[in-house]
Amino acid sequence: MGCNCGGRKAVTHQVTRPDGTTKSYGTAAEAKAAATASGGSYERIEH
């Protein structure tokens, strides 16, 4: 079988809440809205 990776990286949008817990989201918009609502911080992670 051939490789279908194409060089693209997977992206995760993660919110770290003030209590130290984290949650991942599929889109930046969802993560940024959750970060604003919870007072947490947003981070884009490529892997």
N, C-alpha and C. Protein backbone atom coordinates (compact mmCIF):
# COMPACT_ATOMS: atom_id res chain seq x y z
N MET A 1 0.84 -1.19 0.00
CA MET A 1 0.00 0.00 0.00
C MET A 1 0.87 1.24 0.00
N GLY A 2 0.40 2.26 -0.68
CA GLY A 2 1.13 3.52 -0.71
C GLY A 2 0.81 4.39 0.49
N CYS A 3 1.68 5.32 0.74
CA CYS A 3 1.49 6.24 1.87
C CYS A 3 0.49 7.32 1.47
N ASN A 4 -0.46 7.60 2.34
CA ASN A 4 -1.43 8.65 2.06
C ASN A 4 -1.32 9.80 3.07
N CYS A 5 -0.14 9.93 3.68
CA CYS A 5 0.03 10.93 4.73
C CYS A 5 0.06 12.34 4.17
N GLY A 6 0.64 12.54 3.01
CA GLY A 6 0.61 13.84 2.36
C GLY A 6 1.35 14.95 3.09
N GLY A 7 2.00 14.65 4.18
CA GLY A 7 2.75 15.67 4.90
C GLY A 7 1.93 16.59 5.77
N ARG A 8 0.64 16.40 5.81
CA ARG A 8 -0.20 17.27 6.64
C ARG A 8 -0.09 16.86 8.10
N LYS A 9 -0.14 17.86 8.96
CA LYS A 9 -0.11 17.59 10.40
C LYS A 9 -1.52 17.66 10.95
N ALA A 10 -1.78 16.83 11.94
CA ALA A 10 -3.07 16.90 12.63
C ALA A 10 -3.03 18.09 13.58
N VAL A 11 -4.15 18.80 13.69
CA VAL A 11 -4.22 19.97 14.56
C VAL A 11 -5.28 19.74 15.62
N THR A 12 -4.92 20.01 16.86
CA THR A 12 -5.84 19.94 17.98
C THR A 12 -5.93 21.33 18.60
N HIS A 13 -7.13 21.74 18.95
CA HIS A 13 -7.33 23.03 19.61
C HIS A 13 -7.66 22.73 21.07
N GLN A 14 -6.82 23.18 21.96
CA GLN A 14 -6.93 22.80 23.37
C GLN A 14 -7.15 24.02 24.26
N VAL A 15 -8.03 23.86 25.24
CA VAL A 15 -8.29 24.90 26.23
C VAL A 15 -7.82 24.39 27.59
N THR A 16 -7.05 25.22 28.27
CA THR A 16 -6.64 24.93 29.64
C THR A 16 -7.45 25.83 30.55
N ARG A 17 -8.24 25.22 31.41
CA ARG A 17 -9.11 25.97 32.31
C ARG A 17 -8.34 26.44 33.54
N PRO A 18 -8.87 27.43 34.26
CA PRO A 18 -8.19 27.94 35.45
C PRO A 18 -7.91 26.88 36.52
N ASP A 19 -8.72 25.81 36.56
CA ASP A 19 -8.49 24.76 37.57
C ASP A 19 -7.43 23.74 37.12
N GLY A 20 -6.83 23.96 35.94
CA GLY A 20 -5.76 23.10 35.46
C GLY A 20 -6.20 21.98 34.54
N THR A 21 -7.50 21.76 34.37
CA THR A 21 -7.98 20.72 33.47
C THR A 21 -7.89 21.21 32.03
N THR A 22 -7.81 20.27 31.09
CA THR A 22 -7.75 20.62 29.68
C THR A 22 -8.86 19.91 28.92
N LYS A 23 -9.25 20.51 27.80
CA LYS A 23 -10.23 19.90 26.91
C LYS A 23 -9.85 20.23 25.48
N SER A 24 -9.98 19.25 24.60
CA SER A 24 -9.65 19.43 23.20
C SER A 24 -10.92 19.66 22.38
N TYR A 25 -10.79 20.47 21.34
CA TYR A 25 -11.90 20.80 20.45
C TYR A 25 -11.48 20.59 19.01
N GLY A 26 -12.45 20.39 18.14
CA GLY A 26 -12.18 20.16 16.73
C GLY A 26 -11.90 21.41 15.93
N THR A 27 -12.42 22.54 16.39
CA THR A 27 -12.21 23.79 15.66
C THR A 27 -11.68 24.88 16.58
N ALA A 28 -11.00 25.83 15.98
CA ALA A 28 -10.46 26.96 16.75
C ALA A 28 -11.59 27.80 17.32
N ALA A 29 -12.67 27.97 16.57
CA ALA A 29 -13.79 28.79 17.03
C ALA A 29 -14.40 28.23 18.31
N GLU A 30 -14.61 26.92 18.34
CA GLU A 30 -15.16 26.28 19.55
C GLU A 30 -14.23 26.46 20.74
N ALA A 31 -12.94 26.24 20.50
CA ALA A 31 -11.96 26.32 21.58
C ALA A 31 -11.84 27.75 22.11
N LYS A 32 -11.81 28.72 21.22
CA LYS A 32 -11.69 30.12 21.65
C LYS A 32 -12.92 30.56 22.43
N ALA A 33 -14.10 30.12 22.00
CA ALA A 33 -15.33 30.45 22.72
C ALA A 33 -15.32 29.82 24.11
N ALA A 34 -14.87 28.58 24.22
CA ALA A 34 -14.80 27.90 25.51
C ALA A 34 -13.77 28.57 26.42
N ALA A 35 -12.65 28.99 25.86
CA ALA A 35 -11.62 29.66 26.65
C ALA A 35 -12.14 30.98 27.20
N THR A 36 -12.86 31.72 26.38
CA THR A 36 -13.42 32.99 26.82
C THR A 36 -14.46 32.77 27.91
N ALA A 37 -15.33 31.79 27.73
CA ALA A 37 -16.39 31.52 28.69
C ALA A 37 -15.86 31.03 30.03
N SER A 38 -14.76 30.27 30.00
CA SER A 38 -14.25 29.69 31.25
C SER A 38 -13.13 30.50 31.89
N GLY A 39 -12.64 31.51 31.17
CA GLY A 39 -11.52 32.27 31.69
C GLY A 39 -10.20 31.55 31.52
N GLY A 40 -10.18 30.55 30.64
CA GLY A 40 -8.98 29.75 30.42
C GLY A 40 -8.15 30.28 29.27
N SER A 41 -7.18 29.47 28.84
CA SER A 41 -6.31 29.86 27.74
C SER A 41 -6.44 28.87 26.58
N TYR A 42 -6.25 29.39 25.37
CA TYR A 42 -6.38 28.60 24.15
C TYR A 42 -4.99 28.30 23.59
N GLU A 43 -4.82 27.08 23.06
CA GLU A 43 -3.55 26.71 22.44
C GLU A 43 -3.82 25.83 21.23
N ARG A 44 -3.16 26.14 20.12
CA ARG A 44 -3.23 25.30 18.91
C ARG A 44 -2.04 24.35 18.95
N ILE A 45 -2.31 23.06 18.81
CA ILE A 45 -1.25 22.06 18.89
C ILE A 45 -1.21 21.27 17.59
N GLU A 46 -0.04 21.27 16.94
CA GLU A 46 0.16 20.48 15.72
C GLU A 46 0.96 19.24 16.08
N HIS A 47 0.50 18.10 15.58
CA HIS A 47 1.23 16.85 15.85
C HIS A 47 1.10 15.91 14.70
